[in-house]
Amino acid sequence: MDEDRFNTSMRKFLKQLGVTSQQEIGLVVREMNAASGKLKVRAVLTAEGTDLNHVVEGEIELPAPSSET
């Protein structure tokens, strides 16, 4: 296997994952008009045809509500 192609392909996937995940989380936070606090999140990574089941859990600090006048 060509390591450079593998690493490039993996970085491309991870970049897409990061960008799209950030967009989706941002949409959810705006839609729920959340007050300040934390949003518990969980991501599950699987790979078809393998036993991969990697779970990442965390909390995202929510922005303080804006005082629009």
PDB file of N, CA and C in Angstrom:
ATOM      1  N   MET A   1       0.850  -1.185   0.000  1.00  0.00           N
ATOM      2  CA  MET A   1       0.000   0.000   0.000  1.00  0.00           C
ATOM      3  C   MET A   1       0.889   1.239   0.000  1.00  0.00           C
ATOM      4  N   ASP A   2       0.525   2.204  -0.774  1.00  0.00           N
ATOM      5  CA  ASP A   2       1.243   3.462  -0.839  1.00  0.00           C
ATOM      6  C   ASP A   2       0.869   4.306   0.390  1.00  0.00           C
ATOM      7  N   GLU A   3       1.815   4.479   1.306  1.00  0.00           N
ATOM      8  CA  GLU A   3       1.545   5.191   2.563  1.00  0.00           C
ATOM      9  C   GLU A   3       1.120   6.638   2.336  1.00  0.00           C
ATOM     10  N   ASP A   4       1.713   7.306   1.355  1.00  0.00           N
ATOM     11  CA  ASP A   4       1.345   8.694   1.094  1.00  0.00           C
ATOM     12  C   ASP A   4      -0.108   8.800   0.636  1.00  0.00           C
ATOM     13  N   ARG A   5      -0.524   7.914  -0.254  1.00  0.00           N
ATOM     14  CA  ARG A   5      -1.920   7.933  -0.722  1.00  0.00           C
ATOM     15  C   ARG A   5      -2.874   7.619   0.419  1.00  0.00           C
ATOM     16  N   PHE A   6      -2.488   6.638   1.244  1.00  0.00           N
ATOM     17  CA  PHE A   6      -3.309   6.268   2.394  1.00  0.00           C
ATOM     18  C   PHE A   6      -3.464   7.452   3.348  1.00  0.00           C
ATOM     19  N   ASN A   7      -2.357   8.095   3.709  1.00  0.00           N
ATOM     20  CA  ASN A   7      -2.396   9.226   4.638  1.00  0.00           C
ATOM     21  C   ASN A   7      -3.181  10.400   4.063  1.00  0.00           C
ATOM     22  N   THR A   8      -3.025  10.670   2.777  1.00  0.00           N
ATOM     23  CA  THR A   8      -3.765  11.752   2.132  1.00  0.00           C
ATOM     24  C   THR A   8      -5.255  11.459   2.145  1.00  0.00           C
ATOM     25  N   SER A   9      -5.616  10.233   1.833  1.00  0.00           N
ATOM     26  CA  SER A   9      -7.016   9.835   1.818  1.00  0.00           C
ATOM     27  C   SER A   9      -7.625   9.930   3.218  1.00  0.00           C
ATOM     28  N   MET A  10      -6.878   9.479   4.222  1.00  0.00           N
ATOM     29  CA  MET A  10      -7.374   9.528   5.596  1.00  0.00           C
ATOM     30  C   MET A  10      -7.522  10.981   6.051  1.00  0.00           C
ATOM     31  N   ARG A  11      -6.561  11.840   5.748  1.00  0.00           N
ATOM     32  CA  ARG A  11      -6.662  13.250   6.121  1.00  0.00           C
ATOM     33  C   ARG A  11      -7.856  13.921   5.440  1.00  0.00           C
ATOM     34  N   LYS A  12      -8.107  13.564   4.186  1.00  0.00           N
ATOM     35  CA  LYS A  12      -9.247  14.123   3.460  1.00  0.00           C
ATOM     36  C   LYS A  12     -10.559  13.734   4.151  1.00  0.00           C
ATOM     37  N   PHE A  13     -10.672  12.465   4.536  1.00  0.00           N
ATOM     38  CA  PHE A  13     -11.874  12.011   5.240  1.00  0.00           C
ATOM     39  C   PHE A  13     -12.028  12.729   6.574  1.00  0.00           C
ATOM     40  N   LEU A  14     -10.951  12.815   7.347  1.00  0.00           N
ATOM     41  CA  LEU A  14     -11.024  13.444   8.660  1.00  0.00           C
ATOM     42  C   LEU A  14     -11.344  14.936   8.552  1.00  0.00           C
ATOM     43  N   LYS A  15     -10.845  15.594   7.523  1.00  0.00           N
ATOM     44  CA  LYS A  15     -11.174  17.003   7.309  1.00  0.00           C
ATOM     45  C   LYS A  15     -12.665  17.146   7.010  1.00  0.00           C
ATOM     46  N   GLN A  16     -13.184  16.293   6.137  1.00  0.00           N
ATOM     47  CA  GLN A  16     -14.615  16.325   5.810  1.00  0.00           C
ATOM     48  C   GLN A  16     -15.446  16.059   7.059  1.00  0.00           C
ATOM     49  N   LEU A  17     -15.037  15.095   7.852  1.00  0.00           N
ATOM     50  CA  LEU A  17     -15.736  14.773   9.095  1.00  0.00           C
ATOM     51  C   LEU A  17     -15.755  15.969  10.033  1.00  0.00           C
ATOM     52  N   GLY A  18     -14.610  16.599  10.211  1.00  0.00           N
ATOM     53  CA  GLY A  18     -14.523  17.736  11.122  1.00  0.00           C
ATOM     54  C   GLY A  18     -15.354  18.922  10.664  1.00  0.00           C
ATOM     55  N   VAL A  19     -15.242  19.262   9.397  1.00  0.00           N
ATOM     56  CA  VAL A  19     -15.961  20.427   8.862  1.00  0.00           C
ATOM     57  C   VAL A  19     -17.467  20.200   8.918  1.00  0.00           C
ATOM     58  N   THR A  20     -17.924  19.052   8.439  1.00  0.00           N
ATOM     59  CA  THR A  20     -19.369  18.812   8.414  1.00  0.00           C
ATOM     60  C   THR A  20     -19.938  18.648   9.824  1.00  0.00           C
ATOM     61  N   SER A  21     -19.172  18.051  10.717  1.00  0.00           N
ATOM     62  CA  SER A  21     -19.639  17.905  12.102  1.00  0.00           C
ATOM     63  C   SER A  21     -19.780  19.261  12.773  1.00  0.00           C
ATOM     64  N   GLN A  22     -18.810  20.143  12.549  1.00  0.00           N
ATOM     65  CA  GLN A  22     -18.879  21.477  13.134  1.00  0.00           C
ATOM     66  C   GLN A  22     -20.095  22.226  12.595  1.00  0.00           C
ATOM     67  N   GLN A  23     -20.368  22.096  11.310  1.00  0.00           N
ATOM     68  CA  GLN A  23     -21.529  22.759  10.720  1.00  0.00           C
ATOM     69  C   GLN A  23     -22.827  22.237  11.338  1.00  0.00           C
ATOM     70  N   GLU A  24     -22.942  20.930  11.475  1.00  0.00           N
ATOM     71  CA  GLU A  24     -24.165  20.336  12.028  1.00  0.00           C
ATOM     72  C   GLU A  24     -24.369  20.714  13.488  1.00  0.00           C
ATOM     73  N   ILE A  25     -23.312  20.716  14.264  1.00  0.00           N
ATOM     74  CA  ILE A  25     -23.427  21.101  15.674  1.00  0.00           C
ATOM     75  C   ILE A  25     -23.830  22.569  15.768  1.00  0.00           C
ATOM     76  N   GLY A  26     -23.239  23.410  14.936  1.00  0.00           N
ATOM     77  CA  GLY A  26     -23.596  24.826  14.922  1.00  0.00           C
ATOM     78  C   GLY A  26     -25.064  25.034  14.608  1.00  0.00           C
ATOM     79  N   LEU A  27     -25.582  24.284  13.631  1.00  0.00           N
ATOM     80  CA  LEU A  27     -27.004  24.384  13.281  1.00  0.00           C
ATOM     81  C   LEU A  27     -27.892  23.992  14.454  1.00  0.00           C
ATOM     82  N   VAL A  28     -27.566  22.904  15.091  1.00  0.00           N
ATOM     83  CA  VAL A  28     -28.370  22.424  16.228  1.00  0.00           C
ATOM     84  C   VAL A  28     -28.380  23.449  17.350  1.00  0.00           C
ATOM     85  N   VAL A  29     -27.222  24.005  17.648  1.00  0.00           N
ATOM     86  CA  VAL A  29     -27.139  24.987  18.737  1.00  0.00           C
ATOM     87  C   VAL A  29     -27.964  26.217  18.397  1.00  0.00           C
ATOM     88  N   ARG A  30     -27.888  26.691  17.153  1.00  0.00           N
ATOM     89  CA  ARG A  30     -28.678  27.864  16.765  1.00  0.00           C
ATOM     90  C   ARG A  30     -30.180  27.558  16.786  1.00  0.00           C
ATOM     91  N   GLU A  31     -30.569  26.378  16.301  1.00  0.00           N
ATOM     92  CA  GLU A  31     -31.990  26.011  16.269  1.00  0.00           C
ATOM     93  C   GLU A  31     -32.590  25.874  17.660  1.00  0.00           C
ATOM     94  N   MET A  32     -31.811  25.349  18.594  1.00  0.00           N
ATOM     95  CA  MET A  32     -32.353  25.170  19.933  1.00  0.00           C
ATOM     96  C   MET A  32     -32.251  26.450  20.753  1.00  0.00           C
ATOM     97  N   ASN A  33     -31.623  27.489  20.166  1.00  0.00           N
ATOM     98  CA  ASN A  33     -31.484  28.777  20.835  1.00  0.00           C
ATOM     99  C   ASN A  33     -31.054  28.554  22.282  1.00  0.00           C
ATOM    100  N   ALA A  34     -30.019  27.758  22.425  1.00  0.00           N
ATOM    101  CA  ALA A  34     -29.588  27.298  23.742  1.00  0.00           C
ATOM    102  C   ALA A  34     -29.035  28.423  24.599  1.00  0.00           C
ATOM    103  N   ALA A  35     -29.356  28.326  25.860  1.00  0.00           N
ATOM    104  CA  ALA A  35     -28.748  29.223  26.832  1.00  0.00           C
ATOM    105  C   ALA A  35     -27.318  28.751  27.063  1.00  0.00           C
ATOM    106  N   SER A  36     -26.563  29.529  27.783  1.00  0.00           N
ATOM    107  CA  SER A  36     -25.199  29.114  28.055  1.00  0.00           C
ATOM    108  C   SER A  36     -25.219  27.810  28.844  1.00  0.00           C
ATOM    109  N   GLY A  37     -24.178  27.078  28.735  1.00  0.00           N
ATOM    110  CA  GLY A  37     -24.060  25.789  29.396  1.00  0.00           C
ATOM    111  C   GLY A  37     -23.194  24.886  28.554  1.00  0.00           C
ATOM    112  N   LYS A  38     -23.497  23.612  28.573  1.00  0.00           N
ATOM    113  CA  LYS A  38     -22.710  22.647  27.815  1.00  0.00           C
ATOM    114  C   LYS A  38     -23.624  21.726  27.012  1.00  0.00           C
ATOM    115  N   LEU A  39     -23.136  21.333  25.856  1.00  0.00           N
ATOM    116  CA  LEU A  39     -23.839  20.378  25.013  1.00  0.00           C
ATOM    117  C   LEU A  39     -23.031  19.083  25.027  1.00  0.00           C
ATOM    118  N   LYS A  40     -23.644  18.008  25.500  1.00  0.00           N
ATOM    119  CA  LYS A  40     -22.955  16.717  25.496  1.00  0.00           C
ATOM    120  C   LYS A  40     -23.032  16.132  24.089  1.00  0.00           C
ATOM    121  N   VAL A  41     -21.897  15.714  23.570  1.00  0.00           N
ATOM    122  CA  VAL A  41     -21.836  15.162  22.223  1.00  0.00           C
ATOM    123  C   VAL A  41     -21.147  13.804  22.244  1.00  0.00           C
ATOM    124  N   ARG A  42     -21.454  13.026  21.206  1.00  0.00           N
ATOM    125  CA  ARG A  42     -20.868  11.690  21.081  1.00  0.00           C
ATOM    126  C   ARG A  42     -20.718  11.399  19.596  1.00  0.00           C
ATOM    127  N   ALA A  43     -19.548  10.944  19.206  1.00  0.00           N
ATOM    128  CA  ALA A  43     -19.297  10.556  17.824  1.00  0.00           C
ATOM    129  C   ALA A  43     -18.885   9.092  17.805  1.00  0.00           C
ATOM    130  N   VAL A  44     -19.424   8.358  16.841  1.00  0.00           N
ATOM    131  CA  VAL A  44     -19.104   6.941  16.703  1.00  0.00           C
ATOM    132  C   VAL A  44     -18.528   6.721  15.310  1.00  0.00           C
ATOM    133  N   LEU A  45     -17.335   6.166  15.256  1.00  0.00           N
ATOM    134  CA  LEU A  45     -16.676   5.898  13.986  1.00  0.00           C
ATOM    135  C   LEU A  45     -16.667   4.392  13.736  1.00  0.00           C
ATOM    136  N   THR A  46     -17.226   3.995  12.609  1.00  0.00           N
ATOM    137  CA  THR A  46     -17.214   2.591  12.216  1.00  0.00           C
ATOM    138  C   THR A  46     -16.640   2.502  10.808  1.00  0.00           C
ATOM    139  N   ALA A  47     -16.209   1.323  10.440  1.00  0.00           N
ATOM    140  CA  ALA A  47     -15.694   1.089   9.086  1.00  0.00           C
ATOM    141  C   ALA A  47     -16.294  -0.208   8.576  1.00  0.00           C
ATOM    142  N   GLU A  48     -16.978  -0.101   7.460  1.00  0.00           N
ATOM    143  CA  GLU A  48     -17.656  -1.248   6.873  1.00  0.00           C
ATOM    144  C   GLU A  48     -16.689  -2.420   6.698  1.00  0.00           C
ATOM    145  N   GLY A  49     -17.126  -3.593   7.098  1.00  0.00           N
ATOM    146  CA  GLY A  49     -16.330  -4.807   6.928  1.00  0.00           C
ATOM    147  C   GLY A  49     -15.256  -5.005   7.982  1.00  0.00           C
ATOM    148  N   THR A  50     -15.272  -4.146   9.035  1.00  0.00           N
ATOM    149  CA  THR A  50     -14.289  -4.288  10.118  1.00  0.00           C
ATOM    150  C   THR A  50     -15.007  -4.270  11.455  1.00  0.00           C
ATOM    151  N   ASP A  51     -14.253  -4.506  12.512  1.00  0.00           N
ATOM    152  CA  ASP A  51     -14.787  -4.430  13.870  1.00  0.00           C
ATOM    153  C   ASP A  51     -14.602  -3.044  14.477  1.00  0.00           C
ATOM    154  N   LEU A  52     -14.171  -2.069  13.673  1.00  0.00           N
ATOM    155  CA  LEU A  52     -13.923  -0.724  14.200  1.00  0.00           C
ATOM    156  C   LEU A  52     -15.200  -0.135  14.776  1.00  0.00           C
ATOM    157  N   ASN A  53     -15.110   0.304  16.009  1.00  0.00           N
ATOM    158  CA  ASN A  53     -16.212   0.975  16.699  1.00  0.00           C
ATOM    159  C   ASN A  53     -15.574   1.917  17.718  1.00  0.00           C
ATOM    160  N   HIS A  54     -15.146   3.078  17.230  1.00  0.00           N
ATOM    161  CA  HIS A  54     -14.427   4.051  18.053  1.00  0.00           C
ATOM    162  C   HIS A  54     -15.404   5.134  18.492  1.00  0.00           C
ATOM    163  N   VAL A  55     -15.500   5.334  19.804  1.00  0.00           N
ATOM    164  CA  VAL A  55     -16.446   6.301  20.360  1.00  0.00           C
ATOM    165  C   VAL A  55     -15.670   7.438  21.014  1.00  0.00           C
ATOM    166  N   VAL A  56     -16.075   8.658  20.679  1.00  0.00           N
ATOM    167  CA  VAL A  56     -15.500   9.843  21.307  1.00  0.00           C
ATOM    168  C   VAL A  56     -16.657  10.628  21.914  1.00  0.00           C
ATOM    169  N   GLU A  57     -16.548  10.920  23.204  1.00  0.00           N
ATOM    170  CA  GLU A  57     -17.579  11.681  23.894  1.00  0.00           C
ATOM    171  C   GLU A  57     -16.956  12.934  24.479  1.00  0.00           C
ATOM    172  N   GLY A  58     -17.752  13.973  24.564  1.00  0.00           N
ATOM    173  CA  GLY A  58     -17.242  15.210  25.138  1.00  0.00           C
ATOM    174  C   GLY A  58     -18.346  16.203  25.366  1.00  0.00           C
ATOM    175  N   GLU A  59     -17.946  17.393  25.776  1.00  0.00           N
ATOM    176  CA  GLU A  59     -18.883  18.474  26.019  1.00  0.00           C
ATOM    177  C   GLU A  59     -18.394  19.707  25.278  1.00  0.00           C
ATOM    178  N   ILE A  60     -19.335  20.442  24.728  1.00  0.00           N
ATOM    179  CA  ILE A  60     -19.023  21.678  24.018  1.00  0.00           C
ATOM    180  C   ILE A  60     -19.652  22.825  24.800  1.00  0.00           C
ATOM    181  N   GLU A  61     -18.830  23.814  25.129  1.00  0.00           N
ATOM    182  CA  GLU A  61     -19.328  25.003  25.829  1.00  0.00           C
ATOM    183  C   GLU A  61     -20.230  25.780  24.885  1.00  0.00           C
ATOM    184  N   LEU A  62     -21.427  26.088  25.342  1.00  0.00           N
ATOM    185  CA  LEU A  62     -22.363  26.858  24.535  1.00  0.00           C
ATOM    186  C   LEU A  62     -22.128  28.350  24.733  1.00  0.00           C
ATOM    187  N   PRO A  63     -22.406  29.130  23.693  1.00  0.00           N
ATOM    188  CA  PRO A  63     -22.212  30.570  23.821  1.00  0.00           C
ATOM    189  C   PRO A  63     -23.244  31.183  24.761  1.00  0.00           C
ATOM    190  N   ALA A  64     -22.848  32.246  25.402  1.00  0.00           N
ATOM    191  CA  ALA A  64     -23.784  32.978  26.252  1.00  0.00           C
ATOM    192  C   ALA A  64     -24.835  33.612  25.343  1.00  0.00           C
ATOM    193  N   PRO A  65     -26.071  33.670  25.794  1.00  0.00           N
ATOM    194  CA  PRO A  65     -27.110  34.284  24.956  1.00  0.00           C
ATOM    195  C   PRO A  65     -26.760  35.739  24.660  1.00  0.00           C
ATOM    196  N   SER A  66     -27.028  36.134  23.417  1.00  0.00           N
ATOM    197  CA  SER A  66     -26.752  37.523  23.042  1.00  0.00           C
ATOM    198  C   SER A  66     -27.890  38.400  23.515  1.00  0.00           C
ATOM    199  N   SER A  67     -27.554  39.611  23.862  1.00  0.00           N
ATOM    200  CA  SER A  67     -28.591  40.561  24.308  1.00  0.00           C
ATOM    201  C   SER A  67     -28.896  41.494  23.145  1.00  0.00           C
ATOM    202  N   GLU A  68     -29.750  41.004  22.230  1.00  0.00           N
ATOM    203  CA  GLU A  68     -30.128  41.795  21.060  1.00  0.00           C
ATOM    204  C   GLU A  68     -31.169  42.821  21.461  1.00  0.00           C
ATOM    205  N   THR A  69     -30.995  44.038  20.997  1.00  0.00           N
ATOM    206  CA  THR A  69     -31.964  45.091  21.318  1.00  0.00           C
ATOM    207  C   THR A  69     -32.579  45.647  20.079  1.00  0.00           C
TER     208      THR A  69
END
